[in-house]
């Protein structure tokens, strides 16, 4: 897992909002199940104030071998210390890549 400290980078969006953040974290965890499963992932370094966004996506093995169905992959909840990821895929996956931005 990785973390980059950034001091007060300004992000300008299409509205007049300006967001300040100083921490990017990302990582990977093994998805070792061919059935529905919930994973709790702890951030390497706790976000001290706010977690603005966390996103995650499955990393496939380069084939499309499914053993039933798919669907339902989502981040169920998150805090400044961790997030809970639900995997609803019955597929041949290697793991999950994730990325978080906070302060």
Protein backbone atom coordinates (compact mmCIF):
# COMPACT_ATOMS: atom_id res chain seq x y z
CA UNK A 1 0.00 0.00 0.00
CA UNK A 2 1.20 3.48 -0.80
CA UNK A 3 0.73 7.00 0.50
CA UNK A 4 1.76 10.37 -0.88
CA UNK A 5 1.69 13.50 1.29
CA UNK A 6 0.71 16.60 -0.61
CA UNK A 7 0.55 19.98 1.04
CA UNK A 8 -2.64 21.83 0.24
CA UNK A 9 -3.19 20.98 -3.41
CA UNK A 10 -6.16 22.86 -4.81
CA UNK A 11 -8.62 21.03 -7.00
CA UNK A 12 -10.90 23.24 -9.06
CA UNK A 13 -14.12 21.69 -10.29
CA UNK A 14 -16.76 23.05 -12.65
CA UNK A 15 -18.44 24.77 -9.73
CA UNK A 16 -16.91 27.37 -7.45
CA UNK A 17 -15.98 24.72 -4.87
CA UNK A 18 -12.32 24.31 -3.94
CA UNK A 19 -11.19 21.22 -2.10
CA UNK A 20 -7.96 20.88 -0.16
CA UNK A 21 -6.42 17.50 0.52
CA UNK A 22 -3.05 16.28 1.64
CA UNK A 23 -3.18 12.52 1.40
CA UNK A 24 -3.49 10.00 -1.41
CA UNK A 25 -3.44 6.31 -0.56
CA UNK A 26 -3.84 3.28 -2.77
CA UNK A 27 -3.37 -0.44 -2.64
CA UNK A 28 -4.37 -3.93 -3.65
CA UNK A 29 -5.88 -6.89 -1.83
CA UNK A 30 -6.39 -10.47 -2.89
CA UNK A 31 -9.89 -11.50 -3.79
CA UNK A 32 -9.62 -15.18 -3.05
CA UNK A 33 -13.22 -16.29 -3.31
CA UNK A 34 -15.49 -17.39 -6.14
CA UNK A 35 -18.57 -16.42 -4.15
CA UNK A 36 -20.06 -13.38 -2.45
CA UNK A 37 -17.70 -12.07 0.20
CA UNK A 38 -17.12 -8.93 2.26
CA UNK A 39 -13.61 -7.53 2.80
CA UNK A 40 -12.58 -4.88 5.33
CA UNK A 41 -9.52 -2.92 4.21
CA UNK A 42 -7.63 -0.73 6.69
CA UNK A 43 -5.85 2.33 5.36
CA UNK A 44 -2.07 2.20 5.94
CA UNK A 45 -2.24 5.65 7.53
CA UNK A 46 -5.43 6.95 9.12
CA UNK A 47 -6.98 10.03 7.53
CA UNK A 48 -6.97 12.48 10.44
CA UNK A 49 -9.84 14.74 9.32
CA UNK A 50 -11.85 13.60 6.31
CA UNK A 51 -12.02 10.87 3.72
CA UNK A 52 -13.30 12.55 0.56
CA UNK A 53 -13.44 9.53 -1.74
CA UNK A 54 -12.52 5.88 -1.91
CA UNK A 55 -12.98 3.77 -5.01
CA UNK A 56 -12.20 0.15 -5.83
CA UNK A 57 -12.26 -2.08 -8.89
CA UNK A 58 -11.66 -5.76 -9.56
CA UNK A 59 -8.50 -6.81 -11.37
CA UNK A 60 -9.24 -9.68 -13.73
CA UNK A 61 -6.98 -12.44 -14.92
CA UNK A 62 -7.45 -11.56 -18.56
CA UNK A 63 -10.18 -14.07 -19.27
CA UNK A 64 -13.94 -14.15 -18.87
CA UNK A 65 -14.43 -17.38 -16.96
CA UNK A 66 -17.53 -16.92 -14.84
CA UNK A 67 -18.99 -19.66 -12.70
CA UNK A 68 -22.51 -18.40 -12.33
CA UNK A 69 -23.18 -14.71 -12.38
CA UNK A 70 -21.79 -11.40 -11.45
CA UNK A 71 -22.81 -8.15 -9.93
CA UNK A 72 -23.14 -6.37 -6.69
CA UNK A 73 -19.54 -5.24 -6.26
CA UNK A 74 -19.55 -2.09 -4.15
CA UNK A 75 -18.04 -0.20 -1.26
CA UNK A 76 -20.57 -0.74 1.50
CA UNK A 77 -19.18 1.70 4.04
CA UNK A 78 -16.10 3.76 4.83
CA UNK A 79 -14.52 5.73 7.66
CA UNK A 80 -11.23 7.58 8.04
CA UNK A 81 -9.60 4.28 9.14
CA UNK A 82 -10.98 1.66 6.70
CA UNK A 83 -13.56 0.69 4.11
CA UNK A 84 -15.76 -2.35 3.57
CA UNK A 85 -15.90 -3.81 0.06
CA UNK A 86 -18.51 -6.34 -1.01
CA UNK A 87 -17.61 -8.66 -3.87
CA UNK A 88 -20.59 -10.22 -5.58
CA UNK A 89 -18.63 -11.71 -8.46
CA UNK A 90 -18.49 -15.44 -9.07
CA UNK A 91 -15.60 -14.92 -11.43
CA UNK A 92 -11.94 -15.68 -11.88
CA UNK A 93 -10.44 -12.49 -10.38
CA UNK A 94 -6.98 -11.77 -9.02
CA UNK A 95 -7.84 -9.08 -6.55
CA UNK A 96 -9.07 -5.56 -6.01
CA UNK A 97 -7.26 -2.27 -6.64
CA UNK A 98 -8.32 0.71 -4.51
CA UNK A 99 -7.60 4.44 -4.28
CA UNK A 100 -8.51 7.00 -1.57
CA UNK A 101 -8.21 10.77 -1.18
CA UNK A 102 -8.51 12.52 2.15
CA UNK A 103 -7.15 14.94 4.65
